[in-house]
């Protein structure tokens, strides 16, 4: 299994970014997928989840600003991040349980004030 995250970068507060996570080596369409993030000096936290049938759940800190989605035909998950805040600065990881806990390499998101 490989999960390849992309789309991070440097953005000003109030801006937007779209992260993508391309999956291979797994039955993507049946797998619940997650986005996590880890800020410097903090524990990794769950940001958003999308189930195989498209149900979503979000951390309170991102509700109304972030949208998780998936394209099963492309085996890709997305995280649309709007109204970004400096406290969203972190390394963002994609994750999915398929026989084991699978993690992407992370993509850095930096929001300047």
PDB file of N, CA and C in Angstrom:
ATOM      1  N   UNK A   1       0.841  -1.192   0.000  1.00  0.00           N
ATOM      2  CA  UNK A   1       0.000   0.000   0.000  1.00  0.00           C
ATOM      3  C   UNK A   1       0.877   1.243   0.000  1.00  0.00           C
ATOM      4  N   UNK A   2       0.505   2.192  -0.850  1.00  0.00           N
ATOM      5  CA  UNK A   2       1.184   3.490  -0.851  1.00  0.00           C
ATOM      6  C   UNK A   2       0.147   4.596  -0.836  1.00  0.00           C
ATOM      7  N   UNK A   3       0.393   5.584   0.022  1.00  0.00           N
ATOM      8  CA  UNK A   3      -0.428   6.783   0.070  1.00  0.00           C
ATOM      9  C   UNK A   3       0.489   7.975  -0.184  1.00  0.00           C
ATOM     10  N   UNK A   4       0.191   8.742  -1.207  1.00  0.00           N
ATOM     11  CA  UNK A   4       1.041   9.861  -1.607  1.00  0.00           C
ATOM     12  C   UNK A   4       0.265  11.163  -1.452  1.00  0.00           C
ATOM     13  N   UNK A   5       0.655  11.955  -0.456  1.00  0.00           N
ATOM     14  CA  UNK A   5      -0.006  13.234  -0.203  1.00  0.00           C
ATOM     15  C   UNK A   5       0.692  14.351  -0.966  1.00  0.00           C
ATOM     16  N   UNK A   6      -0.092  15.311  -1.417  1.00  0.00           N
ATOM     17  CA  UNK A   6       0.447  16.459  -2.141  1.00  0.00           C
ATOM     18  C   UNK A   6      -0.461  17.655  -1.947  1.00  0.00           C
ATOM     19  N   UNK A   7       0.025  18.832  -2.364  1.00  0.00           N
ATOM     20  CA  UNK A   7      -0.803  20.021  -2.357  1.00  0.00           C
ATOM     21  C   UNK A   7      -0.509  21.017  -1.264  1.00  0.00           C
ATOM     22  N   UNK A   8       0.389  20.683  -0.364  1.00  0.00           N
ATOM     23  CA  UNK A   8       0.721  21.625   0.696  1.00  0.00           C
ATOM     24  C   UNK A   8       1.484  22.824   0.161  1.00  0.00           C
ATOM     25  N   UNK A   9       1.678  23.805   1.033  1.00  0.00           N
ATOM     26  CA  UNK A   9       2.412  24.991   0.629  1.00  0.00           C
ATOM     27  C   UNK A   9       2.276  26.098   1.640  1.00  0.00           C
ATOM     28  N   UNK A  10       2.710  27.278   1.233  1.00  0.00           N
ATOM     29  CA  UNK A  10       2.642  28.471   2.072  1.00  0.00           C
ATOM     30  C   UNK A  10       1.500  29.357   1.574  1.00  0.00           C
ATOM     31  N   UNK A  11       0.635  29.759   2.497  1.00  0.00           N
ATOM     32  CA  UNK A  11      -0.518  30.573   2.123  1.00  0.00           C
ATOM     33  C   UNK A  11      -0.764  31.591   3.229  1.00  0.00           C
ATOM     34  N   UNK A  12      -1.321  32.718   2.866  1.00  0.00           N
ATOM     35  CA  UNK A  12      -1.671  33.727   3.862  1.00  0.00           C
ATOM     36  C   UNK A  12      -2.968  33.351   4.574  1.00  0.00           C
ATOM     37  N   UNK A  13      -3.110  33.848   5.774  1.00  0.00           N
ATOM     38  CA  UNK A  13      -4.343  33.631   6.521  1.00  0.00           C
ATOM     39  C   UNK A  13      -5.539  34.083   5.691  1.00  0.00           C
ATOM     40  N   UNK A  14      -6.583  33.261   5.721  1.00  0.00           N
ATOM     41  CA  UNK A  14      -7.762  33.526   4.912  1.00  0.00           C
ATOM     42  C   UNK A  14      -7.742  32.867   3.548  1.00  0.00           C
ATOM     43  N   UNK A  15      -6.596  32.328   3.182  1.00  0.00           N
ATOM     44  CA  UNK A  15      -6.454  31.681   1.886  1.00  0.00           C
ATOM     45  C   UNK A  15      -6.933  30.248   1.880  1.00  0.00           C
ATOM     46  N   UNK A  16      -6.703  29.588   0.749  1.00  0.00           N
ATOM     47  CA  UNK A  16      -7.183  28.220   0.550  1.00  0.00           C
ATOM     48  C   UNK A  16      -6.076  27.340  -0.019  1.00  0.00           C
ATOM     49  N   UNK A  17      -6.180  26.071   0.289  1.00  0.00           N
ATOM     50  CA  UNK A  17      -5.332  25.040  -0.302  1.00  0.00           C
ATOM     51  C   UNK A  17      -6.170  23.792  -0.495  1.00  0.00           C
ATOM     52  N   UNK A  18      -5.776  22.980  -1.465  1.00  0.00           N
ATOM     53  CA  UNK A  18      -6.422  21.695  -1.668  1.00  0.00           C
ATOM     54  C   UNK A  18      -5.372  20.604  -1.618  1.00  0.00           C
ATOM     55  N   UNK A  19      -5.507  19.734  -0.651  1.00  0.00           N
ATOM     56  CA  UNK A  19      -4.609  18.598  -0.537  1.00  0.00           C
ATOM     57  C   UNK A  19      -5.190  17.399  -1.272  1.00  0.00           C
ATOM     58  N   UNK A  20      -4.306  16.550  -1.770  1.00  0.00           N
ATOM     59  CA  UNK A  20      -4.724  15.319  -2.419  1.00  0.00           C
ATOM     60  C   UNK A  20      -3.928  14.153  -1.855  1.00  0.00           C
ATOM     61  N   UNK A  21      -4.532  13.001  -1.833  1.00  0.00           N
ATOM     62  CA  UNK A  21      -3.877  11.773  -1.368  1.00  0.00           C
ATOM     63  C   UNK A  21      -4.186  10.678  -2.382  1.00  0.00           C
ATOM     64  N   UNK A  22      -3.177  10.266  -3.124  1.00  0.00           N
ATOM     65  CA  UNK A  22      -3.338   9.217  -4.122  1.00  0.00           C
ATOM     66  C   UNK A  22      -2.980   7.873  -3.505  1.00  0.00           C
ATOM     67  N   UNK A  23      -3.865   6.912  -3.664  1.00  0.00           N
ATOM     68  CA  UNK A  23      -3.684   5.602  -3.053  1.00  0.00           C
ATOM     69  C   UNK A  23      -3.402   4.551  -4.118  1.00  0.00           C
ATOM     70  N   UNK A  24      -2.561   3.595  -3.752  1.00  0.00           N
ATOM     71  CA  UNK A  24      -2.305   2.457  -4.621  1.00  0.00           C
ATOM     72  C   UNK A  24      -2.071   1.225  -3.751  1.00  0.00           C
ATOM     73  N   UNK A  25      -2.291   0.051  -4.352  1.00  0.00           N
ATOM     74  CA  UNK A  25      -2.050  -1.191  -3.626  1.00  0.00           C
ATOM     75  C   UNK A  25      -3.105  -1.559  -2.616  1.00  0.00           C
ATOM     76  N   UNK A  26      -4.274  -0.925  -2.717  1.00  0.00           N
ATOM     77  CA  UNK A  26      -5.350  -1.207  -1.776  1.00  0.00           C
ATOM     78  C   UNK A  26      -6.681  -1.113  -2.501  1.00  0.00           C
ATOM     79  N   UNK A  27      -7.734  -1.714  -1.882  1.00  0.00           N
ATOM     80  CA  UNK A  27      -9.074  -1.573  -2.422  1.00  0.00           C
ATOM     81  C   UNK A  27      -9.632  -0.252  -1.886  1.00  0.00           C
ATOM     82  N   UNK A  28      -9.307   0.824  -2.569  1.00  0.00           N
ATOM     83  CA  UNK A  28      -9.582   2.165  -2.066  1.00  0.00           C
ATOM     84  C   UNK A  28     -11.059   2.384  -1.793  1.00  0.00           C
ATOM     85  N   UNK A  29     -11.910   1.877  -2.683  1.00  0.00           N
ATOM     86  CA  UNK A  29     -13.333   2.232  -2.589  1.00  0.00           C
ATOM     87  C   UNK A  29     -14.014   1.684  -1.339  1.00  0.00           C
ATOM     88  N   UNK A  30     -13.417   0.690  -0.687  1.00  0.00           N
ATOM     89  CA  UNK A  30     -14.035   0.134   0.520  1.00  0.00           C
ATOM     90  C   UNK A  30     -13.373   0.640   1.796  1.00  0.00           C
ATOM     91  N   UNK A  31     -12.378   1.501   1.643  1.00  0.00           N
ATOM     92  CA  UNK A  31     -11.550   1.905   2.777  1.00  0.00           C
ATOM     93  C   UNK A  31     -11.963   3.268   3.314  1.00  0.00           C
ATOM     94  N   UNK A  32     -12.235   3.337   4.613  1.00  0.00           N
ATOM     95  CA  UNK A  32     -12.410   4.626   5.269  1.00  0.00           C
ATOM     96  C   UNK A  32     -11.065   5.344   5.294  1.00  0.00           C
ATOM     97  N   UNK A  33     -11.083   6.605   4.898  1.00  0.00           N
ATOM     98  CA  UNK A  33      -9.850   7.378   4.787  1.00  0.00           C
ATOM     99  C   UNK A  33      -9.900   8.579   5.728  1.00  0.00           C
ATOM    100  N   UNK A  34      -8.732   8.980   6.172  1.00  0.00           N
ATOM    101  CA  UNK A  34      -8.615  10.063   7.139  1.00  0.00           C
ATOM    102  C   UNK A  34      -7.515  11.042   6.743  1.00  0.00           C
ATOM    103  N   UNK A  35      -7.698  12.269   7.169  1.00  0.00           N
ATOM    104  CA  UNK A  35      -6.623  13.263   7.183  1.00  0.00           C
ATOM    105  C   UNK A  35      -6.285  13.555   8.647  1.00  0.00           C
ATOM    106  N   UNK A  36      -5.001  13.504   8.946  1.00  0.00           N
ATOM    107  CA  UNK A  36      -4.475  13.903  10.247  1.00  0.00           C
ATOM    108  C   UNK A  36      -3.531  15.089  10.029  1.00  0.00           C
ATOM    109  N   UNK A  37      -3.215  15.754  11.118  1.00  0.00           N
ATOM    110  CA  UNK A  37      -2.189  16.790  11.057  1.00  0.00           C
ATOM    111  C   UNK A  37      -1.384  16.793  12.354  1.00  0.00           C
ATOM    112  N   UNK A  38      -0.160  17.261  12.237  1.00  0.00           N
ATOM    113  CA  UNK A  38       0.703  17.378  13.403  1.00  0.00           C
ATOM    114  C   UNK A  38       1.462  18.686  13.331  1.00  0.00           C
ATOM    115  N   UNK A  39       1.193  19.530  14.311  1.00  0.00           N
ATOM    116  CA  UNK A  39       1.887  20.813  14.411  1.00  0.00           C
ATOM    117  C   UNK A  39       3.138  20.630  15.273  1.00  0.00           C
ATOM    118  N   UNK A  40       4.124  21.509  15.110  1.00  0.00           N
ATOM    119  CA  UNK A  40       5.355  21.391  15.898  1.00  0.00           C
ATOM    120  C   UNK A  40       5.074  21.371  17.399  1.00  0.00           C
ATOM    121  N   UNK A  41       5.624  20.376  18.074  1.00  0.00           N
ATOM    122  CA  UNK A  41       5.454  20.271  19.513  1.00  0.00           C
ATOM    123  C   UNK A  41       4.113  19.760  19.974  1.00  0.00           C
ATOM    124  N   UNK A  42       3.270  19.352  19.036  1.00  0.00           N
ATOM    125  CA  UNK A  42       1.937  18.862  19.394  1.00  0.00           C
ATOM    126  C   UNK A  42       1.742  17.440  18.908  1.00  0.00           C
ATOM    127  N   UNK A  43       0.749  16.777  19.488  1.00  0.00           N
ATOM    128  CA  UNK A  43       0.428  15.426  19.062  1.00  0.00           C
ATOM    129  C   UNK A  43      -0.325  15.451  17.731  1.00  0.00           C
ATOM    130  N   UNK A  44      -0.223  14.339  17.020  1.00  0.00           N
ATOM    131  CA  UNK A  44      -0.969  14.208  15.783  1.00  0.00           C
ATOM    132  C   UNK A  44      -2.463  14.174  16.106  1.00  0.00           C
ATOM    133  N   UNK A  45      -3.267  14.895  15.331  1.00  0.00           N
ATOM    134  CA  UNK A  45      -4.703  14.950  15.573  1.00  0.00           C
ATOM    135  C   UNK A  45      -5.476  14.615  14.303  1.00  0.00           C
ATOM    136  N   UNK A  46      -6.641  14.008  14.522  1.00  0.00           N
ATOM    137  CA  UNK A  46      -7.526  13.659  13.417  1.00  0.00           C
ATOM    138  C   UNK A  46      -8.257  14.923  12.956  1.00  0.00           C
ATOM    139  N   UNK A  47      -8.188  15.191  11.663  1.00  0.00           N
ATOM    140  CA  UNK A  47      -8.814  16.385  11.093  1.00  0.00           C
ATOM    141  C   UNK A  47     -10.160  16.048  10.461  1.00  0.00           C
ATOM    142  N   UNK A  48     -10.187  14.996   9.635  1.00  0.00           N
ATOM    143  CA  UNK A  48     -11.412  14.669   8.910  1.00  0.00           C
ATOM    144  C   UNK A  48     -11.378  13.208   8.491  1.00  0.00           C
ATOM    145  N   UNK A  49     -12.576  12.638   8.368  1.00  0.00           N
ATOM    146  CA  UNK A  49     -12.754  11.234   7.987  1.00  0.00           C
ATOM    147  C   UNK A  49     -13.823  11.146   6.911  1.00  0.00           C
ATOM    148  N   UNK A  50     -13.615  10.239   5.958  1.00  0.00           N
ATOM    149  CA  UNK A  50     -14.653   9.948   4.968  1.00  0.00           C
ATOM    150  C   UNK A  50     -14.757   8.436   4.836  1.00  0.00           C
ATOM    151  N   UNK A  51     -15.981   7.918   4.964  1.00  0.00           N
ATOM    152  CA  UNK A  51     -16.191   6.485   4.873  1.00  0.00           C
ATOM    153  C   UNK A  51     -16.322   6.049   3.419  1.00  0.00           C
ATOM    154  N   UNK A  52     -16.446   4.739   3.231  1.00  0.00           N
ATOM    155  CA  UNK A  52     -16.543   4.205   1.875  1.00  0.00           C
ATOM    156  C   UNK A  52     -17.810   4.692   1.171  1.00  0.00           C
ATOM    157  N   UNK A  53     -18.869   4.978   1.943  1.00  0.00           N
ATOM    158  CA  UNK A  53     -20.097   5.447   1.316  1.00  0.00           C
ATOM    159  C   UNK A  53     -20.251   6.958   1.374  1.00  0.00           C
ATOM    160  N   UNK A  54     -19.147   7.652   1.709  1.00  0.00           N
ATOM    161  CA  UNK A  54     -19.147   9.100   1.606  1.00  0.00           C
ATOM    162  C   UNK A  54     -19.546   9.871   2.837  1.00  0.00           C
ATOM    163  N   UNK A  55     -19.807   9.194   3.941  1.00  0.00           N
ATOM    164  CA  UNK A  55     -20.109   9.916   5.177  1.00  0.00           C
ATOM    165  C   UNK A  55     -18.849  10.591   5.698  1.00  0.00           C
ATOM    166  N   UNK A  56     -19.007  11.780   6.218  1.00  0.00           N
ATOM    167  CA  UNK A  56     -17.854  12.575   6.651  1.00  0.00           C
ATOM    168  C   UNK A  56     -17.972  13.001   8.102  1.00  0.00           C
ATOM    169  N   UNK A  57     -16.822  13.265   8.698  1.00  0.00           N
ATOM    170  CA  UNK A  57     -16.770  13.770  10.060  1.00  0.00           C
ATOM    171  C   UNK A  57     -15.545  14.680  10.170  1.00  0.00           C
ATOM    172  N   UNK A  58     -15.682  15.723  10.992  1.00  0.00           N
ATOM    173  CA  UNK A  58     -14.629  16.727  11.084  1.00  0.00           C
ATOM    174  C   UNK A  58     -14.298  17.056  12.535  1.00  0.00           C
ATOM    175  N   UNK A  59     -13.063  17.436  12.756  1.00  0.00           N
ATOM    176  CA  UNK A  59     -12.700  18.012  14.041  1.00  0.00           C
ATOM    177  C   UNK A  59     -13.424  19.352  14.192  1.00  0.00           C
ATOM    178  N   UNK A  60     -13.782  19.683  15.420  1.00  0.00           N
ATOM    179  CA  UNK A  60     -14.508  20.936  15.660  1.00  0.00           C
ATOM    180  C   UNK A  60     -13.725  22.143  15.139  1.00  0.00           C
ATOM    181  N   UNK A  61     -12.414  22.070  15.206  1.00  0.00           N
ATOM    182  CA  UNK A  61     -11.584  23.214  14.829  1.00  0.00           C
ATOM    183  C   UNK A  61     -11.617  23.520  13.332  1.00  0.00           C
ATOM    184  N   UNK A  62     -12.081  22.592  12.511  1.00  0.00           N
ATOM    185  CA  UNK A  62     -12.081  22.806  11.061  1.00  0.00           C
ATOM    186  C   UNK A  62     -13.482  22.769  10.454  1.00  0.00           C
ATOM    187  N   UNK A  63     -14.487  22.474  11.262  1.00  0.00           N
ATOM    188  CA  UNK A  63     -15.860  22.404  10.734  1.00  0.00           C
ATOM    189  C   UNK A  63     -16.255  23.713  10.087  1.00  0.00           C
ATOM    190  N   UNK A  64     -16.853  23.606   8.906  1.00  0.00           N
ATOM    191  CA  UNK A  64     -17.286  24.787   8.181  1.00  0.00           C
ATOM    192  C   UNK A  64     -16.206  25.418   7.323  1.00  0.00           C
ATOM    193  N   UNK A  65     -14.958  24.976   7.494  1.00  0.00           N
ATOM    194  CA  UNK A  65     -13.852  25.532   6.703  1.00  0.00           C
ATOM    195  C   UNK A  65     -13.212  24.481   5.790  1.00  0.00           C
ATOM    196  N   UNK A  66     -13.150  23.252   6.258  1.00  0.00           N
ATOM    197  CA  UNK A  66     -12.512  22.178   5.495  1.00  0.00           C
ATOM    198  C   UNK A  66     -13.582  21.236   4.950  1.00  0.00           C
ATOM    199  N   UNK A  67     -13.305  20.658   3.777  1.00  0.00           N
ATOM    200  CA  UNK A  67     -14.194  19.663   3.184  1.00  0.00           C
ATOM    201  C   UNK A  67     -13.375  18.493   2.685  1.00  0.00           C
ATOM    202  N   UNK A  68     -13.711  17.309   3.190  1.00  0.00           N
ATOM    203  CA  UNK A  68     -13.054  16.080   2.738  1.00  0.00           C
ATOM    204  C   UNK A  68     -13.914  15.442   1.657  1.00  0.00           C
ATOM    205  N   UNK A  69     -13.264  14.872   0.652  1.00  0.00           N
ATOM    206  CA  UNK A  69     -13.998  14.211  -0.428  1.00  0.00           C
ATOM    207  C   UNK A  69     -13.124  13.102  -0.996  1.00  0.00           C
ATOM    208  N   UNK A  70     -13.727  12.292  -1.840  1.00  0.00           N
ATOM    209  CA  UNK A  70     -12.979  11.198  -2.459  1.00  0.00           C
ATOM    210  C   UNK A  70     -13.481  10.956  -3.865  1.00  0.00           C
ATOM    211  N   UNK A  71     -12.573  10.474  -4.704  1.00  0.00           N
ATOM    212  CA  UNK A  71     -12.887  10.070  -6.069  1.00  0.00           C
ATOM    213  C   UNK A  71     -12.411   8.627  -6.191  1.00  0.00           C
ATOM    214  N   UNK A  72     -13.345   7.699  -6.055  1.00  0.00           N
ATOM    215  CA  UNK A  72     -12.948   6.292  -6.052  1.00  0.00           C
ATOM    216  C   UNK A  72     -12.370   5.853  -7.392  1.00  0.00           C
ATOM    217  N   UNK A  73     -12.853   6.439  -8.478  1.00  0.00           N
ATOM    218  CA  UNK A  73     -12.335   6.075  -9.800  1.00  0.00           C
ATOM    219  C   UNK A  73     -10.859   6.460  -9.925  1.00  0.00           C
ATOM    220  N   UNK A  74     -10.483   7.558  -9.303  1.00  0.00           N
ATOM    221  CA  UNK A  74      -9.092   8.013  -9.325  1.00  0.00           C
ATOM    222  C   UNK A  74      -8.293   7.526  -8.125  1.00  0.00           C
ATOM    223  N   UNK A  75      -8.958   6.825  -7.205  1.00  0.00           N
ATOM    224  CA  UNK A  75      -8.293   6.352  -5.989  1.00  0.00           C
ATOM    225  C   UNK A  75      -7.615   7.498  -5.248  1.00  0.00           C
ATOM    226  N   UNK A  76      -8.318   8.589  -5.147  1.00  0.00           N
ATOM    227  CA  UNK A  76      -7.745   9.787  -4.562  1.00  0.00           C
ATOM    228  C   UNK A  76      -8.719  10.409  -3.567  1.00  0.00           C
ATOM    229  N   UNK A  77      -8.160  10.873  -2.462  1.00  0.00           N
ATOM    230  CA  UNK A  77      -8.914  11.598  -1.453  1.00  0.00           C
ATOM    231  C   UNK A  77      -8.432  13.043  -1.457  1.00  0.00           C
ATOM    232  N   UNK A  78      -9.320  13.957  -1.102  1.00  0.00           N
ATOM    233  CA  UNK A  78      -8.983  15.379  -1.121  1.00  0.00           C
ATOM    234  C   UNK A  78      -9.340  16.034   0.212  1.00  0.00           C
ATOM    235  N   UNK A  79      -8.679  17.137   0.478  1.00  0.00           N
ATOM    236  CA  UNK A  79      -9.060  17.994   1.595  1.00  0.00           C
ATOM    237  C   UNK A  79      -9.016  19.432   1.103  1.00  0.00           C
ATOM    238  N   UNK A  80     -10.183  20.013   0.910  1.00  0.00           N
ATOM    239  CA  UNK A  80     -10.287  21.414   0.534  1.00  0.00           C
ATOM    240  C   UNK A  80     -10.263  22.237   1.809  1.00  0.00           C
ATOM    241  N   UNK A  81      -9.299  23.116   1.930  1.00  0.00           N
ATOM    242  CA  UNK A  81      -9.121  23.917   3.137  1.00  0.00           C
ATOM    243  C   UNK A  81      -9.314  25.389   2.799  1.00  0.00           C
ATOM    244  N   UNK A  82     -10.352  25.975   3.342  1.00  0.00           N
ATOM    245  CA  UNK A  82     -10.671  27.390   3.117  1.00  0.00           C
ATOM    246  C   UNK A  82     -10.539  28.161   4.423  1.00  0.00           C
ATOM    247  N   UNK A  83     -10.479  29.459   4.292  1.00  0.00           N
ATOM    248  CA  UNK A  83     -10.380  30.352   5.464  1.00  0.00           C
ATOM    249  C   UNK A  83      -9.281  29.872   6.418  1.00  0.00           C
ATOM    250  N   UNK A  84      -8.138  29.604   5.854  1.00  0.00           N
ATOM    251  CA  UNK A  84      -7.049  29.047   6.656  1.00  0.00           C
ATOM    252  C   UNK A  84      -6.575  30.036   7.706  1.00  0.00           C
ATOM    253  N   UNK A  85      -6.165  29.477   8.852  1.00  0.00           N
ATOM    254  CA  UNK A  85      -5.685  30.252   9.983  1.00  0.00           C
ATOM    255  C   UNK A  85      -4.253  29.837  10.311  1.00  0.00           C
ATOM    256  N   UNK A  86      -3.489  30.697  10.951  1.00  0.00           N
ATOM    257  CA  UNK A  86      -2.121  30.302  11.332  1.00  0.00           C
ATOM    258  C   UNK A  86      -2.085  29.014  12.158  1.00  0.00           C
ATOM    259  N   UNK A  87      -3.110  28.779  12.963  1.00  0.00           N
ATOM    260  CA  UNK A  87      -3.139  27.559  13.774  1.00  0.00           C
ATOM    261  C   UNK A  87      -3.393  26.295  12.964  1.00  0.00           C
ATOM    262  N   UNK A  88      -3.672  26.439  11.672  1.00  0.00           N
ATOM    263  CA  UNK A  88      -3.781  25.264  10.795  1.00  0.00           C
ATOM    264  C   UNK A  88      -2.410  24.810  10.302  1.00  0.00           C
ATOM    265  N   UNK A  89      -1.368  25.567  10.597  1.00  0.00           N
ATOM    266  CA  UNK A  89      -0.024  25.202  10.183  1.00  0.00           C
ATOM    267  C   UNK A  89       0.368  23.864  10.798  1.00  0.00           C
ATOM    268  N   UNK A  90       0.746  22.928   9.939  1.00  0.00           N
ATOM    269  CA  UNK A  90       1.074  21.570  10.389  1.00  0.00           C
ATOM    270  C   UNK A  90       1.526  20.751   9.183  1.00  0.00           C
ATOM    271  N   UNK A  91       2.038  19.580   9.477  1.00  0.00           N
ATOM    272  CA  UNK A  91       2.222  18.573   8.438  1.00  0.00           C
ATOM    273  C   UNK A  91       0.944  17.744   8.385  1.00  0.00           C
ATOM    274  N   UNK A  92       0.373  17.622   7.211  1.00  0.00           N
ATOM    275  CA  UNK A  92      -0.886  16.901   7.016  1.00  0.00           C
ATOM    276  C   UNK A  92      -0.596  15.523   6.425  1.00  0.00           C
ATOM    277  N   UNK A  93      -1.198  14.511   7.037  1.00  0.00           N
ATOM    278  CA  UNK A  93      -0.981  13.124   6.638  1.00  0.00           C
ATOM    279  C   UNK A  93      -2.299  12.485   6.220  1.00  0.00           C
ATOM    280  N   UNK A  94      -2.256  11.688   5.175  1.00  0.00           N
ATOM    281  CA  UNK A  94      -3.413  10.864   4.856  1.00  0.00           C
ATOM    282  C   UNK A  94      -3.212   9.480   5.440  1.00  0.00           C
ATOM    283  N   UNK A  95      -4.323   8.838   5.721  1.00  0.00           N
ATOM    284  CA  UNK A  95      -4.299   7.576   6.470  1.00  0.00           C
ATOM    285  C   UNK A  95      -5.499   6.728   6.084  1.00  0.00           C
ATOM    286  N   UNK A  96      -5.276   5.435   6.065  1.00  0.00           N
ATOM    287  CA  UNK A  96      -6.384   4.520   5.822  1.00  0.00           C
ATOM    288  C   UNK A  96      -6.022   3.132   6.326  1.00  0.00           C
ATOM    289  N   UNK A  97      -7.019   2.462   6.936  1.00  0.00           N
ATOM    290  CA  UNK A  97      -6.797   1.103   7.454  1.00  0.00           C
ATOM    291  C   UNK A  97      -7.184   0.105   6.366  1.00  0.00           C
ATOM    292  N   UNK A  98      -6.146  -0.614   5.880  1.00  0.00           N
ATOM    293  CA  UNK A  98      -6.359  -1.685   4.907  1.00  0.00           C
ATOM    294  C   UNK A  98      -5.414  -2.797   5.292  1.00  0.00           C
ATOM    295  N   UNK A  99      -5.918  -3.754   6.028  1.00  0.00           N
ATOM    296  CA  UNK A  99      -5.137  -4.841   6.620  1.00  0.00           C
ATOM    297  C   UNK A  99      -4.167  -4.357   7.685  1.00  0.00           C
ATOM    298  N   UNK A 100      -3.779  -3.121   7.586  1.00  0.00           N
ATOM    299  CA  UNK A 100      -2.943  -2.498   8.612  1.00  0.00           C
ATOM    300  C   UNK A 100      -3.129  -0.993   8.525  1.00  0.00           C
ATOM    301  N   UNK A 101      -2.520  -0.278   9.450  1.00  0.00           N
ATOM    302  CA  UNK A 101      -2.614   1.177   9.466  1.00  0.00           C
ATOM    303  C   UNK A 101      -1.620   1.736   8.446  1.00  0.00           C
ATOM    304  N   UNK A 102      -2.137   2.417   7.430  1.00  0.00           N
ATOM    305  CA  UNK A 102      -1.304   2.925   6.352  1.00  0.00           C
ATOM    306  C   UNK A 102      -1.241   4.446   6.393  1.00  0.00           C
ATOM    307  N   UNK A 103      -0.034   5.006   6.237  1.00  0.00           N
ATOM    308  CA  UNK A 103       0.184   6.443   6.314  1.00  0.00           C
ATOM    309  C   UNK A 103       0.927   6.946   5.093  1.00  0.00           C
ATOM    310  N   UNK A 104       0.542   8.126   4.633  1.00  0.00           N
ATOM    311  CA  UNK A 104       1.310   8.822   3.612  1.00  0.00           C
ATOM    312  C   UNK A 104       2.491   9.535   4.241  1.00  0.00           C
ATOM    313  N   UNK A 105       3.294  10.179   3.415  1.00  0.00           N
ATOM    314  CA  UNK A 105       4.544  10.775   3.881  1.00  0.00           C
ATOM    315  C   UNK A 105       4.341  12.159   4.487  1.00  0.00           C
ATOM    316  N   UNK A 106       3.192  12.748   4.319  1.00  0.00           N
ATOM    317  CA  UNK A 106       2.924  14.067   4.878  1.00  0.00           C
ATOM    318  C   UNK A 106       3.226  15.177   3.895  1.00  0.00           C
ATOM    319  N   UNK A 107       2.445  16.251   4.009  1.00  0.00           N
ATOM    320  CA  UNK A 107       2.676  17.437   3.198  1.00  0.00           C
ATOM    321  C   UNK A 107       2.552  18.661   4.111  1.00  0.00           C
ATOM    322  N   UNK A 108       3.494  19.565   4.004  1.00  0.00           N
ATOM    323  CA  UNK A 108       3.566  20.713   4.906  1.00  0.00           C
ATOM    324  C   UNK A 108       2.594  21.808   4.472  1.00  0.00           C
ATOM    325  N   UNK A 109       1.809  22.275   5.417  1.00  0.00           N
ATOM    326  CA  UNK A 109       0.933  23.429   5.204  1.00  0.00           C
ATOM    327  C   UNK A 109       1.377  24.511   6.181  1.00  0.00           C
ATOM    328  N   UNK A 110       1.698  25.674   5.642  1.00  0.00           N
ATOM    329  CA  UNK A 110       2.111  26.799   6.472  1.00  0.00           C
ATOM    330  C   UNK A 110       1.211  27.989   6.166  1.00  0.00           C
ATOM    331  N   UNK A 111       0.576  28.511   7.208  1.00  0.00           N
ATOM    332  CA  UNK A 111      -0.327  29.650   7.060  1.00  0.00           C
ATOM    333  C   UNK A 111       0.293  30.837   7.782  1.00  0.00           C
ATOM    334  N   UNK A 112       0.580  31.877   7.029  1.00  0.00           N
ATOM    335  CA  UNK A 112       1.190  33.067   7.618  1.00  0.00           C
ATOM    336  C   UNK A 112       0.111  34.059   8.034  1.00  0.00           C
ATOM    337  N   UNK A 113       0.403  34.794   9.089  1.00  0.00           N
ATOM    338  CA  UNK A 113      -0.573  35.771   9.605  1.00  0.00           C
ATOM    339  C   UNK A 113      -0.397  37.128   8.938  1.00  0.00           C
TER     340      UNK A 113
END
